[in-house]
N, C-alpha and C. Protein backbone atom coordinates (compact mmCIF):
# COMPACT_ATOMS: atom_id res chain seq x y z
N MET A 1 -104.10 68.65 -87.65
CA MET A 1 -104.10 69.69 -88.36
C MET A 1 -105.12 69.79 -89.46
N LYS A 2 -105.78 70.97 -89.76
CA LYS A 2 -107.06 70.50 -90.26
C LYS A 2 -107.17 71.72 -91.67
N ILE A 3 -107.28 71.38 -92.83
CA ILE A 3 -107.87 72.38 -93.75
C ILE A 3 -108.87 72.92 -93.68
N ASP A 4 -108.97 74.18 -93.80
CA ASP A 4 -110.62 74.92 -94.11
C ASP A 4 -110.76 75.59 -95.21
N VAL A 5 -111.90 75.35 -95.63
CA VAL A 5 -112.85 75.80 -96.97
C VAL A 5 -113.99 76.47 -96.46
N CYS A 6 -114.20 77.99 -97.09
CA CYS A 6 -115.37 78.57 -96.93
C CYS A 6 -115.27 79.63 -98.34
N THR A 7 -116.64 79.51 -98.55
CA THR A 7 -117.08 80.81 -99.73
C THR A 7 -117.15 82.23 -99.42
N PRO A 8 -116.16 83.02 -99.44
CA PRO A 8 -116.12 84.41 -99.01
C PRO A 8 -117.19 85.22 -99.78
N THR A 9 -117.84 86.04 -98.93
CA THR A 9 -118.65 86.64 -99.07
C THR A 9 -118.15 88.27 -100.09
N PRO A 10 -119.29 88.59 -100.83
CA PRO A 10 -118.22 89.77 -101.69
C PRO A 10 -117.34 90.95 -100.43
N LYS A 11 -118.07 91.37 -99.58
CA LYS A 11 -117.87 92.46 -98.62
C LYS A 11 -116.04 91.42 -97.99
N ASP A 12 -116.31 90.11 -97.56
CA ASP A 12 -114.73 89.51 -97.26
C ASP A 12 -113.75 89.60 -98.42
N LEU A 13 -114.09 89.43 -99.46
CA LEU A 13 -113.26 89.58 -100.49
C LEU A 13 -112.45 90.78 -100.72
N LYS A 14 -113.40 92.31 -100.68
CA LYS A 14 -113.13 93.52 -100.64
C LYS A 14 -112.16 93.57 -99.27
N ASP A 15 -112.54 93.07 -98.07
CA ASP A 15 -111.47 93.57 -96.56
C ASP A 15 -110.65 92.90 -96.84
N ILE A 16 -110.10 91.73 -97.90
CA ILE A 16 -108.98 91.20 -97.66
C ILE A 16 -107.64 91.38 -99.11
N ASP A 17 -108.42 92.04 -99.78
CA ASP A 17 -107.61 92.83 -100.83
C ASP A 17 -107.21 92.06 -101.81
N PHE A 18 -107.31 90.56 -102.14
CA PHE A 18 -107.03 89.54 -102.80
C PHE A 18 -106.03 89.56 -104.06
N PRO A 19 -106.60 90.94 -104.75
CA PRO A 19 -105.93 91.07 -106.03
C PRO A 19 -104.77 91.62 -105.94
N ASN A 20 -103.85 91.78 -104.90
CA ASN A 20 -102.65 92.02 -104.68
C ASN A 20 -101.73 91.34 -104.07
N TRP A 21 -102.18 89.98 -103.81
CA TRP A 21 -101.58 88.40 -103.42
C TRP A 21 -100.92 87.92 -104.77
N GLY A 22 -100.18 87.26 -104.48
CA GLY A 22 -99.31 86.23 -105.48
C GLY A 22 -100.57 85.56 -106.51
N VAL A 23 -100.01 85.32 -107.63
CA VAL A 23 -100.74 84.49 -108.24
C VAL A 23 -100.19 82.89 -108.74
N TRP A 24 -100.88 81.65 -108.47
CA TRP A 24 -100.37 80.48 -108.96
C TRP A 24 -100.61 79.88 -110.01
N GLU A 25 -100.53 79.12 -110.81
CA GLU A 25 -101.41 78.34 -111.77
C GLU A 25 -100.61 76.89 -112.02
N CYS A 26 -101.56 76.04 -112.16
CA CYS A 26 -101.21 74.41 -112.27
C CYS A 26 -102.09 73.57 -112.85
N PRO A 27 -101.38 73.00 -114.38
CA PRO A 27 -102.02 72.00 -115.00
C PRO A 27 -103.15 70.94 -113.94
N VAL A 28 -103.51 70.04 -114.84
CA VAL A 28 -103.90 68.80 -114.13
C VAL A 28 -102.68 68.08 -113.67
N SER A 29 -102.84 67.88 -112.60
CA SER A 29 -101.82 66.84 -111.76
C SER A 29 -101.78 66.21 -110.90
N SER A 30 -100.52 65.62 -110.24
CA SER A 30 -101.00 65.52 -108.55
C SER A 30 -99.38 65.24 -107.86
N PHE A 31 -99.36 65.77 -106.88
CA PHE A 31 -98.21 65.72 -106.39
C PHE A 31 -98.22 65.99 -104.84
N PRO A 32 -97.36 65.76 -104.08
CA PRO A 32 -96.84 65.60 -102.52
C PRO A 32 -97.02 67.21 -102.06
N TRP A 33 -97.26 67.78 -101.18
CA TRP A 33 -96.75 69.44 -100.89
C TRP A 33 -96.69 69.36 -99.24
N HIS A 34 -95.97 70.39 -98.87
CA HIS A 34 -95.49 70.56 -97.56
C HIS A 34 -95.72 72.02 -96.73
N TYR A 35 -96.38 72.51 -95.92
CA TYR A 35 -96.58 73.65 -95.66
C TYR A 35 -95.18 74.32 -94.83
N ASP A 36 -94.64 75.06 -94.89
CA ASP A 36 -93.82 75.72 -93.91
C ASP A 36 -94.49 77.20 -93.45
N GLN A 37 -95.28 77.35 -93.73
CA GLN A 37 -95.77 78.34 -93.60
C GLN A 37 -97.64 78.59 -93.55
N LYS A 38 -98.04 79.06 -92.66
CA LYS A 38 -99.56 79.41 -92.88
C LYS A 38 -99.76 79.56 -94.30
N GLU A 39 -100.84 79.06 -95.26
CA GLU A 39 -101.19 79.31 -96.59
C GLU A 39 -102.96 80.04 -96.58
N THR A 40 -103.26 81.05 -96.97
CA THR A 40 -104.70 81.35 -97.46
C THR A 40 -104.40 81.74 -99.03
N CYS A 41 -105.54 80.93 -99.47
CA CYS A 41 -105.53 81.31 -100.91
C CYS A 41 -106.88 81.14 -101.38
N TYR A 42 -107.45 82.24 -102.54
CA TYR A 42 -108.63 82.07 -102.91
C TYR A 42 -108.76 81.58 -104.38
N ILE A 43 -109.35 80.74 -104.49
CA ILE A 43 -109.49 80.25 -105.83
C ILE A 43 -110.08 80.51 -107.04
N ILE A 44 -109.75 81.05 -108.04
CA ILE A 44 -110.11 81.35 -109.05
C ILE A 44 -110.66 80.50 -110.45
N GLU A 45 -109.90 79.76 -110.56
CA GLU A 45 -110.26 78.76 -111.84
C GLU A 45 -109.68 77.48 -110.97
N GLY A 46 -110.82 76.32 -111.51
CA GLY A 46 -110.35 75.14 -111.59
C GLY A 46 -110.98 74.52 -110.47
N HIS A 47 -110.58 73.30 -110.21
CA HIS A 47 -111.25 72.02 -109.23
C HIS A 47 -109.76 71.04 -108.51
N VAL A 48 -109.68 71.22 -107.62
CA VAL A 48 -108.84 70.63 -106.50
C VAL A 48 -109.04 69.47 -105.60
N VAL A 49 -108.46 68.15 -105.19
CA VAL A 49 -108.55 67.46 -104.26
C VAL A 49 -107.59 67.53 -103.27
N VAL A 50 -107.27 67.88 -102.14
CA VAL A 50 -106.50 67.47 -101.30
C VAL A 50 -106.50 66.61 -100.03
N GLU A 51 -105.41 66.06 -99.78
CA GLU A 51 -105.59 64.90 -98.82
C GLU A 51 -104.59 64.80 -97.98
N THR A 52 -104.95 64.74 -96.97
CA THR A 52 -104.14 64.28 -95.48
C THR A 52 -104.18 62.70 -95.35
N LYS A 53 -103.27 62.42 -94.20
CA LYS A 53 -104.13 61.19 -93.29
C LYS A 53 -105.30 61.30 -93.06
N ASP A 54 -105.78 62.77 -92.34
CA ASP A 54 -106.98 62.64 -91.88
C ASP A 54 -108.37 63.61 -92.60
N GLN A 55 -107.87 64.03 -93.52
CA GLN A 55 -108.66 64.82 -93.89
C GLN A 55 -108.83 64.72 -95.60
N LYS A 56 -109.55 64.60 -96.44
CA LYS A 56 -110.13 64.62 -97.72
C LYS A 56 -110.79 66.22 -98.09
N VAL A 57 -110.33 67.07 -98.65
CA VAL A 57 -111.08 68.29 -98.76
C VAL A 57 -110.93 68.88 -100.44
N GLU A 58 -111.95 69.02 -100.74
CA GLU A 58 -112.14 69.53 -102.54
C GLU A 58 -112.74 70.90 -102.51
N PHE A 59 -112.17 71.85 -103.47
CA PHE A 59 -112.65 72.85 -103.57
C PHE A 59 -112.51 73.30 -105.11
N LYS A 60 -112.72 74.51 -105.76
CA LYS A 60 -113.10 75.08 -106.87
C LYS A 60 -113.17 76.37 -106.85
N SER A 61 -113.33 76.86 -108.20
CA SER A 61 -113.35 78.25 -108.01
C SER A 61 -114.48 78.99 -107.13
N GLY A 62 -114.00 80.08 -106.49
CA GLY A 62 -114.83 80.67 -105.47
C GLY A 62 -114.59 80.75 -103.92
N ASP A 63 -113.39 79.26 -103.64
CA ASP A 63 -113.64 78.89 -102.33
C ASP A 63 -112.34 79.75 -102.07
N MET A 64 -112.43 79.94 -100.64
CA MET A 64 -111.18 80.59 -99.92
C MET A 64 -110.71 79.12 -99.00
N VAL A 65 -109.33 79.03 -98.95
CA VAL A 65 -108.68 77.93 -98.46
C VAL A 65 -107.58 78.21 -97.51
N PHE A 66 -107.67 77.39 -96.58
CA PHE A 66 -106.82 77.65 -95.29
C PHE A 66 -105.69 76.80 -94.93
N PHE A 67 -104.70 76.77 -95.25
CA PHE A 67 -103.47 75.46 -95.15
C PHE A 67 -102.68 75.74 -93.80
N PRO A 68 -102.73 74.95 -92.49
CA PRO A 68 -101.80 75.29 -91.51
C PRO A 68 -100.50 75.34 -92.02
N LYS A 69 -99.51 75.81 -91.03
CA LYS A 69 -98.13 75.55 -91.19
C LYS A 69 -98.07 74.30 -90.38
N GLY A 70 -96.91 73.51 -91.66
CA GLY A 70 -96.66 72.34 -90.99
C GLY A 70 -97.60 71.18 -91.63
N LEU A 71 -98.69 71.34 -92.25
CA LEU A 71 -99.17 70.07 -92.83
C LEU A 71 -98.71 69.60 -94.37
N SER A 72 -99.09 68.43 -94.28
CA SER A 72 -98.10 67.98 -95.23
C SER A 72 -99.16 66.89 -96.09
N CYS A 73 -99.86 66.97 -97.31
CA CYS A 73 -100.58 66.70 -98.15
C CYS A 73 -100.63 66.40 -99.82
N GLN A 74 -101.18 65.87 -100.18
CA GLN A 74 -101.48 65.26 -101.79
C GLN A 74 -102.13 65.89 -102.13
N TRP A 75 -102.01 66.95 -103.03
CA TRP A 75 -102.71 67.35 -104.35
C TRP A 75 -103.02 66.84 -105.28
N THR A 76 -104.81 66.74 -105.84
CA THR A 76 -104.53 66.30 -107.22
C THR A 76 -105.61 67.20 -107.81
N VAL A 77 -104.77 67.79 -109.11
CA VAL A 77 -105.38 68.92 -109.65
C VAL A 77 -106.51 68.54 -110.74
N LEU A 78 -107.97 68.57 -110.60
CA LEU A 78 -108.42 67.86 -111.49
C LEU A 78 -108.93 68.72 -112.51
N LYS A 79 -108.95 69.76 -112.39
CA LYS A 79 -109.06 70.95 -113.76
C LYS A 79 -108.26 72.04 -113.35
N PRO A 80 -107.59 72.49 -114.47
CA PRO A 80 -106.46 73.46 -114.51
C PRO A 80 -106.77 74.63 -113.43
N VAL A 81 -105.75 74.60 -112.18
CA VAL A 81 -106.50 75.84 -111.05
C VAL A 81 -105.47 76.93 -111.31
N LYS A 82 -106.01 78.08 -110.97
CA LYS A 82 -105.32 78.83 -110.59
C LYS A 82 -105.52 79.79 -109.28
N LYS A 83 -104.91 80.27 -108.51
CA LYS A 83 -105.46 80.98 -107.44
C LYS A 83 -104.25 82.18 -106.91
N TYR A 84 -105.05 82.97 -106.24
CA TYR A 84 -104.30 83.88 -105.25
C TYR A 84 -103.86 83.26 -103.88
N TYR A 85 -102.61 83.82 -103.43
CA TYR A 85 -102.38 83.14 -102.33
C TYR A 85 -101.21 84.02 -101.48
N ARG A 86 -101.23 83.69 -100.33
CA ARG A 86 -100.64 84.60 -99.49
C ARG A 86 -100.02 83.99 -98.24
N PHE A 87 -99.09 83.92 -97.70
CA PHE A 87 -98.11 83.14 -96.56
C PHE A 87 -98.13 84.13 -95.46
N ASP A 88 -98.51 83.50 -94.43
CA ASP A 88 -98.44 84.54 -93.24
C ASP A 88 -97.35 83.80 -92.09
């Protein structure tokens, strides 16, 4: 399982209509997480490192992140994060 990160274009953002997604915020912290569903999120504030047994991914404001269903990982929030998210 792999976490994918990209920087979406303005057209990409318009096409996905992310402002109608849920919003999640988290202060500086570290915690384990497991994804029961696929999640797509657009980071609007913050800086985060997510680690799995096979991968270490860093993302920040302006990044689009894709988490696969079944993924277990460790989140480390370096700067308070705010994101739009959608479960599929």
